[in-house]
C-alpha atoms as a PDB file:
ATOM      1  CA  MET A   1      14.704   1.259  -6.587  1.00  0.00           C
ATOM      2  CA  ILE A   2      12.362  -0.700  -3.969  1.00  0.00           C
ATOM      3  CA  GLU A   3      10.610   3.090  -3.118  1.00  0.00           C
ATOM      4  CA  LEU A   4       9.941   3.319  -6.886  1.00  0.00           C
ATOM      5  CA  LEU A   5       8.601  -0.094  -7.517  1.00  0.00           C
ATOM      6  CA  LEU A   6       6.397   0.107  -4.189  1.00  0.00           C
ATOM      7  CA  MET A   7       4.666   3.557  -5.620  1.00  0.00           C
ATOM      8  CA  THR A   8       3.576   1.370  -8.999  1.00  0.00           C
ATOM      9  CA  LEU A   9       1.481  -0.901  -6.727  1.00  0.00           C
ATOM     10  CA  GLU A  10      -2.087  -0.223  -5.273  1.00  0.00           C
ATOM     11  CA  ALA A  11      -2.008   0.747  -1.568  1.00  0.00           C
ATOM     12  CA  GLU A  12      -3.433  -2.732  -0.746  1.00  0.00           C
ATOM     13  CA  GLU A  13      -0.498  -4.378  -2.619  1.00  0.00           C
ATOM     14  CA  ARG A  14       1.917  -1.834  -0.989  1.00  0.00           C
ATOM     15  CA  ASN A  15       0.895  -2.611   2.225  1.00  0.00           C
ATOM     16  CA  ARG A  16       1.006  -6.384   1.492  1.00  0.00           C
ATOM     17  CA  VAL A  17       4.664  -5.979   0.430  1.00  0.00           C
ATOM     18  CA  LEU A  18       5.840  -3.987   3.028  1.00  0.00           C
ATOM     19  CA  ALA A  19       4.361  -6.267   5.331  1.00  0.00           C
ATOM     20  CA  LEU A  20       6.129  -9.319   3.964  1.00  0.00           C
ATOM     21  CA  TRP A  21       9.546  -7.331   4.403  1.00  0.00           C
ATOM     22  CA  GLN A  22       8.936  -6.615   7.954  1.00  0.00           C
ATOM     23  CA  ASP A  23       7.688  -9.980   8.574  1.00  0.00           C
ATOM     24  CA  HIS A  24      10.190 -12.103   6.648  1.00  0.00           C
ATOM     25  CA  GLY A  25      13.041  -9.622   5.582  1.00  0.00           C
ATOM     26  CA  PRO A  26      15.417 -10.263   8.448  1.00  0.00           C
ATOM     27  CA  SER A  27      15.071 -14.034   8.310  1.00  0.00           C
ATOM     28  CA  LEU A  28      15.747 -13.746   4.120  1.00  0.00           C
ATOM     29  CA  VAL A  29      19.022 -11.491   4.821  1.00  0.00           C
ATOM     30  CA  ARG A  30      19.918 -13.991   7.668  1.00  0.00           C
ATOM     31  CA  TYR A  31      19.386 -16.874   5.167  1.00  0.00           C
ATOM     32  CA  ALA A  32      21.393 -14.887   2.452  1.00  0.00           C
ATOM     33  CA  LYS A  33      24.402 -14.244   4.949  1.00  0.00           C
ATOM     34  CA  LYS A  34      24.406 -17.881   6.105  1.00  0.00           C
ATOM     35  CA  GLU A  35      24.543 -18.954   1.973  1.00  0.00           C
ATOM     36  CA  LEU A  36      26.972 -15.793   1.101  1.00  0.00           C
ATOM     37  CA  GLY A  37      29.264 -15.946   3.973  1.00  0.00           C
ATOM     38  CA  PRO A  38      29.447 -14.134   7.316  1.00  0.00           C
ATOM     39  CA  MET A  39      32.143 -11.569   5.320  1.00  0.00           C
ATOM     40  CA  SER A  40      29.666 -10.701   2.636  1.00  0.00           C
ATOM     41  CA  ASP A  41      27.892  -7.510   2.253  1.00  0.00           C
ATOM     42  CA  ASP A  42      25.694  -8.901  -0.542  1.00  0.00           C
ATOM     43  CA  ALA A  43      23.160 -10.270   1.731  1.00  0.00           C
ATOM     44  CA  GLU A  44      20.852  -7.264   2.088  1.00  0.00           C
ATOM     45  CA  ASP A  45      21.334  -6.548  -1.886  1.00  0.00           C
ATOM     46  CA  VAL A  46      19.950 -10.040  -2.527  1.00  0.00           C
ATOM     47  CA  VAL A  47      16.933  -9.673  -0.285  1.00  0.00           C
ATOM     48  CA  SER A  48      16.146  -6.262  -1.755  1.00  0.00           C
ATOM     49  CA  ASP A  49      16.705  -7.734  -5.412  1.00  0.00           C
ATOM     50  CA  ALA A  50      14.081 -10.372  -4.782  1.00  0.00           C
ATOM     51  CA  PHE A  51      11.653  -8.017  -3.107  1.00  0.00           C
ATOM     52  CA  GLU A  52      12.183  -6.019  -6.355  1.00  0.00           C
ATOM     53  CA  ARG A  53      11.434  -8.983  -8.518  1.00  0.00           C
ATOM     54  CA  LEU A  54       8.300  -9.996  -6.559  1.00  0.00           C
ATOM     55  CA  MET A  55       7.235  -6.142  -7.246  1.00  0.00           C
ATOM     56  CA  ILE A  56       7.669  -6.134 -10.916  1.00  0.00           C
ATOM     57  CA  HIS A  57       5.800  -9.492 -11.360  1.00  0.00           C
ATOM     58  CA  TYR A  58       3.171  -8.759  -8.746  1.00  0.00           C
ATOM     59  CA  GLU A  59       0.499  -9.699 -10.959  1.00  0.00           C
ATOM     60  CA  ARG A  60       2.149 -12.964 -11.681  1.00  0.00           C
ATOM     61  CA  TYR A  61       2.298 -13.888  -7.858  1.00  0.00           C
ATOM     62  CA  GLY A  62      -0.399 -11.497  -6.027  1.00  0.00           C
ATOM     63  CA  ASP A  63      -3.005 -14.036  -5.443  1.00  0.00           C
ATOM     64  CA  ARG A  64      -0.708 -16.191  -3.995  1.00  0.00           C
ATOM     65  CA  THR A  65      -0.920 -16.635   0.076  1.00  0.00           C
ATOM     66  CA  ASP A  66       1.777 -15.099   2.102  1.00  0.00           C
ATOM     67  CA  GLU A  67       3.007 -18.583   2.719  1.00  0.00           C
ATOM     68  CA  GLN A  68       3.326 -19.069  -0.961  1.00  0.00           C
ATOM     69  CA  ILE A  69       4.917 -15.726  -1.407  1.00  0.00           C
ATOM     70  CA  LYS A  70       7.628 -16.335   1.834  1.00  0.00           C
ATOM     71  CA  GLY A  71       8.819 -19.459  -0.220  1.00  0.00           C
ATOM     72  CA  LEU A  72       8.880 -17.943  -3.548  1.00  0.00           C
ATOM     73  CA  LEU A  73      11.035 -15.134  -1.793  1.00  0.00           C
ATOM     74  CA  LEU A  74      13.202 -17.953  -0.302  1.00  0.00           C
ATOM     75  CA  ARG A  75      13.836 -19.363  -3.598  1.00  0.00           C
ATOM     76  CA  MET A  76      14.447 -15.989  -5.192  1.00  0.00           C
ATOM     77  CA  VAL A  77      16.935 -15.312  -2.533  1.00  0.00           C
ATOM     78  CA  ARG A  78      18.333 -18.729  -2.996  1.00  0.00           C
ATOM     79  CA  ASN A  79      19.287 -18.532  -6.663  1.00  0.00           C
ATOM     80  CA  LEU A  80      20.590 -15.031  -5.926  1.00  0.00           C
ATOM     81  CA  CYS A  81      22.710 -16.363  -3.814  1.00  0.00           C
ATOM     82  CA  VAL A  82      23.875 -18.743  -6.083  1.00  0.00           C
ATOM     83  CA  ASP A  83      24.372 -16.108  -8.897  1.00  0.00           C
ATOM     84  CA  ALA A  84      26.433 -13.984  -6.446  1.00  0.00           C
ATOM     85  CA  HIS A  85      28.656 -17.078  -5.597  1.00  0.00           C
ATOM     86  CA  ARG A  86      29.372 -17.681  -9.189  1.00  0.00           C
ATOM     87  CA  LYS A  87      30.065 -13.792 -10.079  1.00  0.00           C
ATOM     88  CA  ARG A  88      32.258 -13.892  -7.102  1.00  0.00           C
ATOM     89  CA  LYS A  89      34.220 -17.102  -8.158  1.00  0.00           C
ATOM     90  CA  ARG A  90      34.849 -15.696 -11.647  1.00  0.00           C
ATOM     91  CA  ILE A  91      36.199 -12.451 -10.129  1.00  0.00           C
ATOM     92  CA  SER A  92      37.909 -13.652  -7.116  1.00  0.00           C
ATOM     93  CA  GLY A  93      38.415 -17.336  -7.372  1.00  0.00           C
ATOM     94  CA  ALA A  94      37.240 -19.767  -4.938  1.00  0.00           C
ATOM     95  CA  ILE A  95      35.458 -18.613  -2.098  1.00  0.00           C
ATOM     96  CA  THR A  96      35.927 -20.360   1.742  1.00  0.00           C
ATOM     97  CA  THR A  97      33.829 -20.128   4.545  1.00  0.00           C
ATOM     98  CA  THR A  98      34.549 -21.606   7.954  1.00  0.00           C
ATOM     99  CA  GLU A  99      32.416 -22.314  10.507  1.00  0.00           C
ATOM    100  CA  ALA A 100      34.243 -19.865  12.740  1.00  0.00           C
ATOM    101  CA  ASP A 101      33.384 -17.323  10.338  1.00  0.00           C
ATOM    102  CA  ILE A 102      29.537 -18.197  10.635  1.00  0.00           C
ATOM    103  CA  ALA A 103      29.819 -17.979  14.403  1.00  0.00           C
ATOM    104  CA  ASP A 104      31.174 -14.540  14.419  1.00  0.00           C
ATOM    105  CA  TRP A 105      28.525 -13.325  12.277  1.00  0.00           C
ATOM    106  CA  THR A 106      26.405 -10.369  13.946  1.00  0.00           C
ATOM    107  CA  ASP A 107      22.774 -10.332  13.347  1.00  0.00           C
ATOM    108  CA  SER A 108      22.303  -6.893  12.188  1.00  0.00           C
ATOM    109  CA  VAL A 109      19.826  -5.796   9.488  1.00  0.00           C
ATOM    110  CA  ALA A 110      19.253  -2.299   7.848  1.00  0.00           C
ATOM    111  CA  ASP A 111      15.620  -0.767   8.161  1.00  0.00           C
ATOM    112  CA  PRO A 112      14.733   0.042   5.015  1.00  0.00           C
ATOM    113  CA  LEU A 113      12.544   2.990   6.356  1.00  0.00           C
ATOM    114  CA  GLU A 114      15.393   4.753   7.900  1.00  0.00           C
ATOM    115  CA  GLN A 115      17.563   7.269   6.124  1.00  0.00           C
ATOM    116  CA  THR A 116      20.342   9.638   6.091  1.00  0.00           C
ATOM    117  CA  ALA A 117      20.706  12.902   4.358  1.00  0.00           C
ATOM    118  CA  GLU A 118      22.668  11.339   1.763  1.00  0.00           C
ATOM    119  CA  GLU A 119      20.050   8.637   1.189  1.00  0.00           C
ATOM    120  CA  VAL A 120      17.380  11.697   0.733  1.00  0.00           C
ATOM    121  CA  VAL A 121      19.462  13.382  -1.853  1.00  0.00           C
ATOM    122  CA  ILE A 122      20.155   9.878  -3.423  1.00  0.00           C
ATOM    123  CA  SER A 123      16.372   9.415  -3.390  1.00  0.00           C
ATOM    124  CA  GLU A 124      15.488  12.586  -4.771  1.00  0.00           C
ATOM    125  CA  ASP A 125      18.020  12.134  -7.622  1.00  0.00           C
ATOM    126  CA  ASN A 126      16.384   8.664  -8.094  1.00  0.00           C
ATOM    127  CA  ILE A 127      13.015  10.248  -8.132  1.00  0.00           C
ATOM    128  CA  ARG A 128      14.066  12.336 -11.245  1.00  0.00           C
ATOM    129  CA  ARG A 129      15.652   9.414 -13.332  1.00  0.00           C
ATOM    130  CA  MET A 130      12.374   7.454 -12.453  1.00  0.00           C
ATOM    131  CA  LYS A 131      10.400  10.421 -13.967  1.00  0.00           C
ATOM    132  CA  ALA A 132      12.410  10.352 -17.207  1.00  0.00           C
ATOM    133  CA  LEU A 133      12.289   7.022 -17.620  1.00  0.00           C
ATOM    134  CA  ILE A 134       8.533   7.172 -16.912  1.00  0.00           C
ATOM    135  CA  ARG A 135       8.098  10.027 -19.670  1.00  0.00           C
ATOM    136  CA  SER A 136      10.278   7.808 -22.351  1.00  0.00           C
ATOM    137  CA  LEU A 137       8.029   4.799 -21.921  1.00  0.00           C
ATOM    138  CA  ALA A 138       5.579   4.119 -24.618  1.00  0.00           C
ATOM    139  CA  PRO A 139       2.038   6.441 -24.464  1.00  0.00           C
ATOM    140  CA  ALA A 140      -0.240   3.347 -23.523  1.00  0.00           C
ATOM    141  CA  LEU A 141       2.117   2.164 -20.531  1.00  0.00           C
ATOM    142  CA  ARG A 142       3.028   5.867 -19.525  1.00  0.00           C
ATOM    143  CA  ASP A 143      -0.576   6.843 -19.421  1.00  0.00           C
ATOM    144  CA  VAL A 144      -1.697   3.719 -16.942  1.00  0.00           C
ATOM    145  CA  LEU A 145       1.158   4.319 -15.026  1.00  0.00           C
ATOM    146  CA  GLN A 146       0.972   7.968 -14.346  1.00  0.00           C
ATOM    147  CA  MET A 147      -2.813   7.423 -13.671  1.00  0.00           C
ATOM    148  CA  ARG A 148      -1.454   5.092 -10.898  1.00  0.00           C
ATOM    149  CA  LEU A 149       1.208   7.028  -9.534  1.00  0.00           C
ATOM    150  CA  ILE A 150       0.166  10.509  -9.873  1.00  0.00           C
ATOM    151  CA  GLU A 151      -3.757   9.987  -9.304  1.00  0.00           C
ATOM    152  CA  ASP A 152      -3.589   7.158  -7.099  1.00  0.00           C
ATOM    153  CA  MET A 153      -6.115   5.554  -9.153  1.00  0.00           C
ATOM    154  CA  THR A 154      -7.211   1.968  -9.128  1.00  0.00           C
ATOM    155  CA  ASN A 155      -7.138  -0.610 -11.951  1.00  0.00           C
ATOM    156  CA  ARG A 156     -10.855  -0.699 -12.393  1.00  0.00           C
ATOM    157  CA  GLU A 157     -10.973   3.399 -12.303  1.00  0.00           C
ATOM    158  CA  ILE A 158      -8.127   3.265 -14.947  1.00  0.00           C
ATOM    159  CA  ALA A 159      -9.982   0.738 -16.770  1.00  0.00           C
ATOM    160  CA  GLU A 160     -13.081   2.659 -16.823  1.00  0.00           C
ATOM    161  CA  GLU A 161     -11.254   6.244 -17.657  1.00  0.00           C
ATOM    162  CA  LEU A 162      -9.662   4.613 -20.912  1.00  0.00           C
ATOM    163  CA  GLY A 163     -12.507   2.469 -21.627  1.00  0.00           C
ATOM    164  CA  ILE A 164     -10.270  -0.815 -21.619  1.00  0.00           C
ATOM    165  CA  GLU A 165     -10.591  -3.836 -19.627  1.00  0.00           C
ATOM    166  CA  GLU A 166      -8.875  -3.986 -16.137  1.00  0.00           C
ATOM    167  CA  SER A 167      -6.856  -7.138 -17.100  1.00  0.00           C
ATOM    168  CA  ILE A 168      -5.191  -4.760 -20.130  1.00  0.00           C
ATOM    169  CA  VAL A 169      -4.425  -2.363 -17.361  1.00  0.00           C
ATOM    170  CA  ARG A 170      -2.826  -4.952 -15.076  1.00  0.00           C
ATOM    171  CA  GLN A 171      -0.968  -5.938 -18.119  1.00  0.00           C
ATOM    172  CA  ARG A 172       0.102  -2.657 -19.229  1.00  0.00           C
ATOM    173  CA  ILE A 173       1.312  -1.764 -15.441  1.00  0.00           C
ATOM    174  CA  SER A 174       3.424  -4.808 -15.926  1.00  0.00           C
ATOM    175  CA  ARG A 175       5.006  -4.233 -18.945  1.00  0.00           C
ATOM    176  CA  ALA A 176       5.758  -0.596 -17.626  1.00  0.00           C
ATOM    177  CA  ARG A 177       7.295  -1.920 -14.625  1.00  0.00           C
ATOM    178  CA  LYS A 178       9.475  -4.368 -16.530  1.00  0.00           C
ATOM    179  CA  THR A 179      10.324  -1.681 -19.149  1.00  0.00           C
ATOM    180  CA  ILE A 180      11.511   0.544 -16.489  1.00  0.00           C
ATOM    181  CA  ALA A 181      13.310  -2.015 -14.404  1.00  0.00           C
ATOM    182  CA  VAL A 182      15.332  -2.849 -17.458  1.00  0.00           C
ATOM    183  CA  LYS A 183      16.298   0.851 -18.395  1.00  0.00           C
ATOM    184  CA  TRP A 184      17.164   1.455 -14.695  1.00  0.00           C
ATOM    185  CA  GLU A 185      19.452  -1.456 -14.625  1.00  0.00           C
ATOM    186  CA  GLU A 186      21.049  -0.442 -18.039  1.00  0.00           C
ATOM    187  CA  GLU A 187      21.688   3.165 -16.687  1.00  0.00           C
ATOM    188  CA  GLU A 188      23.212   1.686 -13.144  1.00  0.00           C
ATOM    189  CA  ASN A 189      25.324  -0.775 -15.265  1.00  0.00           C
ATOM    190  CA  GLY A 190      26.293   1.941 -17.623  1.00  0.00           C
END
């Protein structure tokens, strides 16, 4: 999903999010592992979810400094960790983590840019799903998103092409992202 959301951002925005991932992703994963416990495999998912939320709501957060976004991502990760704890408690009862468990934890962070053959196949399936979701959007949302993704147009160029304000283009792209994210999640969860 991250790769697909990255495609909805303009080149400068995409480069900024990737730089934020490279600069802060590993420390956010370490923080999430500390919060979730060393035996948890959820830390990288939590950080990915935080970055997905950042991209979905980029219009709201994009004008903030990198330090402010880092703080925002940290709060998102903390809140997602709390949610994960609550979910685990509902599923399996109380969770206990010892200091020894934390000391045994190793610092391993997966590189989001490396892919196995299986991941490539999954990515191709995801692209097909994403195209279907884009086709299902309302025409006004679909048009601006296709101009961004396929024609690689900027917000200003899209606004000029459609004869609308640039703020309306940003709003439609944001709505399209949110709609796709909700539909994607619904498909993932059945």
